[in-house]
Amino acid sequence: MPFRILIVDDEPELMEAYVRVLTKSGYLCLCASDGGQAIKTFDLAHPDLVLTDLNLATESGIEVIRHAHCHSPRTPIIAISGHAAGALFELAQACGASVCIQKPVDLSVLDAMVSAALAV
């Protein structure tokens, strides 16, 4: 059974790009366009990894990270942000993010990070 990755982003073009590269690598992608939907999907699907944007329209990516880490502390979480992210990335890591990536994301690097995170 392939690893399940929950992808959370409110930008459809980015979500499609992430899904395309990760599906090609053999992962099953579950998608959510906002934090509330992400939390519900996390609770129902129990993904093997969470990839979340930090700036979402509802329920911030930080809330998604807190929820995922609280309910499944061993699930790797990759946080992404397009904004000046120093303090935000520190907060994300304090809440449970394993890795933080600045946008724009190099898709081959993202694929490698996901692979490394799931190899643990």
C-alpha atoms as a PDB file:
ATOM      1  CA  MET A   1       0.000   0.000   0.000  1.00  0.00           C
ATOM      2  CA  PRO A   2       1.467   3.391  -0.950  1.00  0.00           C
ATOM      3  CA  PHE A   3       2.231   6.040   1.636  1.00  0.00           C
ATOM      4  CA  ARG A   4      -0.628   8.542   2.077  1.00  0.00           C
ATOM      5  CA  ILE A   5       0.296  12.219   1.966  1.00  0.00           C
ATOM      6  CA  LEU A   6      -2.092  14.945   3.075  1.00  0.00           C
ATOM      7  CA  ILE A   7      -1.419  18.051   0.975  1.00  0.00           C
ATOM      8  CA  VAL A   8      -2.880  21.316   2.284  1.00  0.00           C
ATOM      9  CA  ASP A   9      -2.743  24.421   0.097  1.00  0.00           C
ATOM     10  CA  ASP A  10      -5.318  27.005  -0.954  1.00  0.00           C
ATOM     11  CA  GLU A  11      -3.573  27.684  -4.281  1.00  0.00           C
ATOM     12  CA  PRO A  12      -4.963  25.147  -6.799  1.00  0.00           C
ATOM     13  CA  GLU A  13      -1.994  25.422  -9.182  1.00  0.00           C
ATOM     14  CA  LEU A  14       0.480  24.574  -6.429  1.00  0.00           C
ATOM     15  CA  MET A  15      -1.674  21.742  -5.126  1.00  0.00           C
ATOM     16  CA  GLU A  16      -1.834  20.255  -8.637  1.00  0.00           C
ATOM     17  CA  ALA A  17       1.948  20.511  -9.014  1.00  0.00           C
ATOM     18  CA  TYR A  18       2.562  18.813  -5.650  1.00  0.00           C
ATOM     19  CA  VAL A  19       0.062  16.062  -6.470  1.00  0.00           C
ATOM     20  CA  ARG A  20       1.575  15.514  -9.897  1.00  0.00           C
ATOM     21  CA  VAL A  21       5.147  15.043  -8.667  1.00  0.00           C
ATOM     22  CA  LEU A  22       4.244  13.006  -5.578  1.00  0.00           C
ATOM     23  CA  THR A  23       1.802  10.732  -7.416  1.00  0.00           C
ATOM     24  CA  LYS A  24       4.480  10.101 -10.013  1.00  0.00           C
ATOM     25  CA  SER A  25       6.725   8.955  -7.151  1.00  0.00           C
ATOM     26  CA  GLY A  26       4.096   6.437  -6.056  1.00  0.00           C
ATOM     27  CA  TYR A  27       2.404   8.273  -3.185  1.00  0.00           C
ATOM     28  CA  LEU A  28      -1.348   8.469  -2.618  1.00  0.00           C
ATOM     29  CA  CYS A  29      -2.242  12.146  -2.276  1.00  0.00           C
ATOM     30  CA  LEU A  30      -5.129  13.415  -0.164  1.00  0.00           C
ATOM     31  CA  CYS A  31      -5.939  17.088  -0.722  1.00  0.00           C
ATOM     32  CA  ALA A  32      -7.421  19.847   1.409  1.00  0.00           C
ATOM     33  CA  SER A  33      -7.748  23.475   0.414  1.00  0.00           C
ATOM     34  CA  ASP A  34      -8.165  24.866   3.936  1.00  0.00           C
ATOM     35  CA  GLY A  35      -7.213  24.053   7.487  1.00  0.00           C
ATOM     36  CA  GLY A  36     -10.630  22.851   8.632  1.00  0.00           C
ATOM     37  CA  GLN A  37     -10.871  20.397   5.755  1.00  0.00           C
ATOM     38  CA  ALA A  38      -7.272  19.307   6.432  1.00  0.00           C
ATOM     39  CA  ILE A  39      -8.006  18.507  10.073  1.00  0.00           C
ATOM     40  CA  LYS A  40     -11.088  16.466   9.106  1.00  0.00           C
ATOM     41  CA  THR A  41      -9.132  14.597   6.425  1.00  0.00           C
ATOM     42  CA  PHE A  42      -6.281  13.953   8.850  1.00  0.00           C
ATOM     43  CA  ASP A  43      -8.667  12.451  11.402  1.00  0.00           C
ATOM     44  CA  LEU A  44     -10.381  10.235   8.824  1.00  0.00           C
ATOM     45  CA  ALA A  45      -7.418   9.110   6.730  1.00  0.00           C
ATOM     46  CA  HIS A  46      -4.483   9.023   9.173  1.00  0.00           C
ATOM     47  CA  PRO A  47      -1.914  10.065   6.536  1.00  0.00           C
ATOM     48  CA  ASP A  48       1.723   9.015   6.703  1.00  0.00           C
ATOM     49  CA  LEU A  49       2.936  12.581   6.087  1.00  0.00           C
ATOM     50  CA  VAL A  50       1.435  16.078   6.097  1.00  0.00           C
ATOM     51  CA  LEU A  51       2.554  18.778   3.653  1.00  0.00           C
ATOM     52  CA  THR A  52       0.930  22.087   4.565  1.00  0.00           C
ATOM     53  CA  ASP A  53       1.094  25.700   3.545  1.00  0.00           C
ATOM     54  CA  LEU A  54       1.258  27.907   6.621  1.00  0.00           C
ATOM     55  CA  ASN A  55      -0.937  30.711   5.291  1.00  0.00           C
ATOM     56  CA  LEU A  56      -4.434  29.398   4.663  1.00  0.00           C
ATOM     57  CA  ALA A  57      -7.789  31.159   4.449  1.00  0.00           C
ATOM     58  CA  THR A  58      -9.261  29.277   7.424  1.00  0.00           C
ATOM     59  CA  GLU A  59      -7.558  27.391  10.241  1.00  0.00           C
ATOM     60  CA  SER A  60      -3.949  28.339   9.647  1.00  0.00           C
ATOM     61  CA  GLY A  61      -1.289  25.826   8.741  1.00  0.00           C
ATOM     62  CA  ILE A  62      -0.026  26.202  12.320  1.00  0.00           C
ATOM     63  CA  GLU A  63      -3.366  24.822  13.552  1.00  0.00           C
ATOM     64  CA  VAL A  64      -3.064  21.915  11.115  1.00  0.00           C
ATOM     65  CA  ILE A  65       0.449  21.209  12.424  1.00  0.00           C
ATOM     66  CA  ARG A  66      -0.658  21.410  16.075  1.00  0.00           C
ATOM     67  CA  HIS A  67      -3.555  19.049  15.440  1.00  0.00           C
ATOM     68  CA  ALA A  68      -1.520  16.525  13.464  1.00  0.00           C
ATOM     69  CA  HIS A  69       1.353  16.555  15.951  1.00  0.00           C
ATOM     70  CA  CYS A  70      -0.989  16.253  18.944  1.00  0.00           C
ATOM     71  CA  HIS A  71      -2.862  13.271  17.471  1.00  0.00           C
ATOM     72  CA  SER A  72       0.086  11.564  15.777  1.00  0.00           C
ATOM     73  CA  PRO A  73       3.451  12.852  17.040  1.00  0.00           C
ATOM     74  CA  ARG A  74       5.436  10.504  14.801  1.00  0.00           C
ATOM     75  CA  THR A  75       3.812  11.682  11.549  1.00  0.00           C
ATOM     76  CA  PRO A  76       6.313  13.835   9.634  1.00  0.00           C
ATOM     77  CA  ILE A  77       5.073  17.330   8.792  1.00  0.00           C
ATOM     78  CA  ILE A  78       6.527  19.560   6.089  1.00  0.00           C
ATOM     79  CA  ALA A  79       5.541  23.240   6.310  1.00  0.00           C
ATOM     80  CA  ILE A  80       5.672  25.605   3.327  1.00  0.00           C
ATOM     81  CA  SER A  81       5.360  29.388   3.220  1.00  0.00           C
ATOM     82  CA  GLY A  82       5.769  32.075   0.613  1.00  0.00           C
ATOM     83  CA  HIS A  83       6.017  34.880   3.144  1.00  0.00           C
ATOM     84  CA  ALA A  84       9.033  36.055   5.095  1.00  0.00           C
ATOM     85  CA  ALA A  85       9.162  32.992   7.219  1.00  0.00           C
ATOM     86  CA  GLY A  86      11.846  33.205   9.933  1.00  0.00           C
ATOM     87  CA  ALA A  87       9.630  33.514  13.016  1.00  0.00           C
ATOM     88  CA  LEU A  88       6.759  31.646  11.349  1.00  0.00           C
ATOM     89  CA  PHE A  89       9.033  28.697  10.554  1.00  0.00           C
ATOM     90  CA  GLU A  90      10.323  28.694  14.138  1.00  0.00           C
ATOM     91  CA  LEU A  91       6.729  28.553  15.382  1.00  0.00           C
ATOM     92  CA  ALA A  92       5.878  25.772  12.913  1.00  0.00           C
ATOM     93  CA  GLN A  93       8.823  23.708  14.130  1.00  0.00           C
ATOM     94  CA  ALA A  94       7.947  24.368  17.773  1.00  0.00           C
ATOM     95  CA  CYS A  95       4.431  23.076  17.017  1.00  0.00           C
ATOM     96  CA  GLY A  96       5.702  19.887  15.380  1.00  0.00           C
ATOM     97  CA  ALA A  97       6.834  20.552  11.811  1.00  0.00           C
ATOM     98  CA  SER A  98       9.787  18.387  10.837  1.00  0.00           C
ATOM     99  CA  VAL A  99      10.929  20.579   7.945  1.00  0.00           C
ATOM    100  CA  CYS A 100      10.073  24.071   6.679  1.00  0.00           C
ATOM    101  CA  ILE A 101      10.446  25.135   3.046  1.00  0.00           C
ATOM    102  CA  GLN A 102      10.312  28.627   1.541  1.00  0.00           C
ATOM    103  CA  LYS A 103       8.227  29.112  -1.638  1.00  0.00           C
ATOM    104  CA  PRO A 104       8.774  28.836  -4.498  1.00  0.00           C
ATOM    105  CA  VAL A 105       9.360  25.134  -3.957  1.00  0.00           C
ATOM    106  CA  ASP A 106      11.668  23.137  -6.214  1.00  0.00           C
ATOM    107  CA  LEU A 107       9.501  20.068  -6.854  1.00  0.00           C
ATOM    108  CA  SER A 108      12.445  17.682  -7.108  1.00  0.00           C
ATOM    109  CA  VAL A 109      13.702  18.909  -3.723  1.00  0.00           C
ATOM    110  CA  LEU A 110      10.217  18.510  -2.258  1.00  0.00           C
ATOM    111  CA  ASP A 111      10.020  14.949  -3.604  1.00  0.00           C
ATOM    112  CA  ALA A 112      13.403  14.159  -2.036  1.00  0.00           C
ATOM    113  CA  MET A 113      12.334  15.672   1.308  1.00  0.00           C
ATOM    114  CA  VAL A 114       9.142  13.630   1.362  1.00  0.00           C
ATOM    115  CA  SER A 115      11.094  10.473   0.538  1.00  0.00           C
ATOM    116  CA  ALA A 116      13.627  11.196   3.295  1.00  0.00           C
ATOM    117  CA  ALA A 117      10.924  11.974   5.852  1.00  0.00           C
ATOM    118  CA  LEU A 118       9.108   8.716   5.132  1.00  0.00           C
ATOM    119  CA  ALA A 119      12.309   6.643   5.253  1.00  0.00           C
ATOM    120  CA  VAL A 120      12.613   7.181   9.009  1.00  0.00           C
END
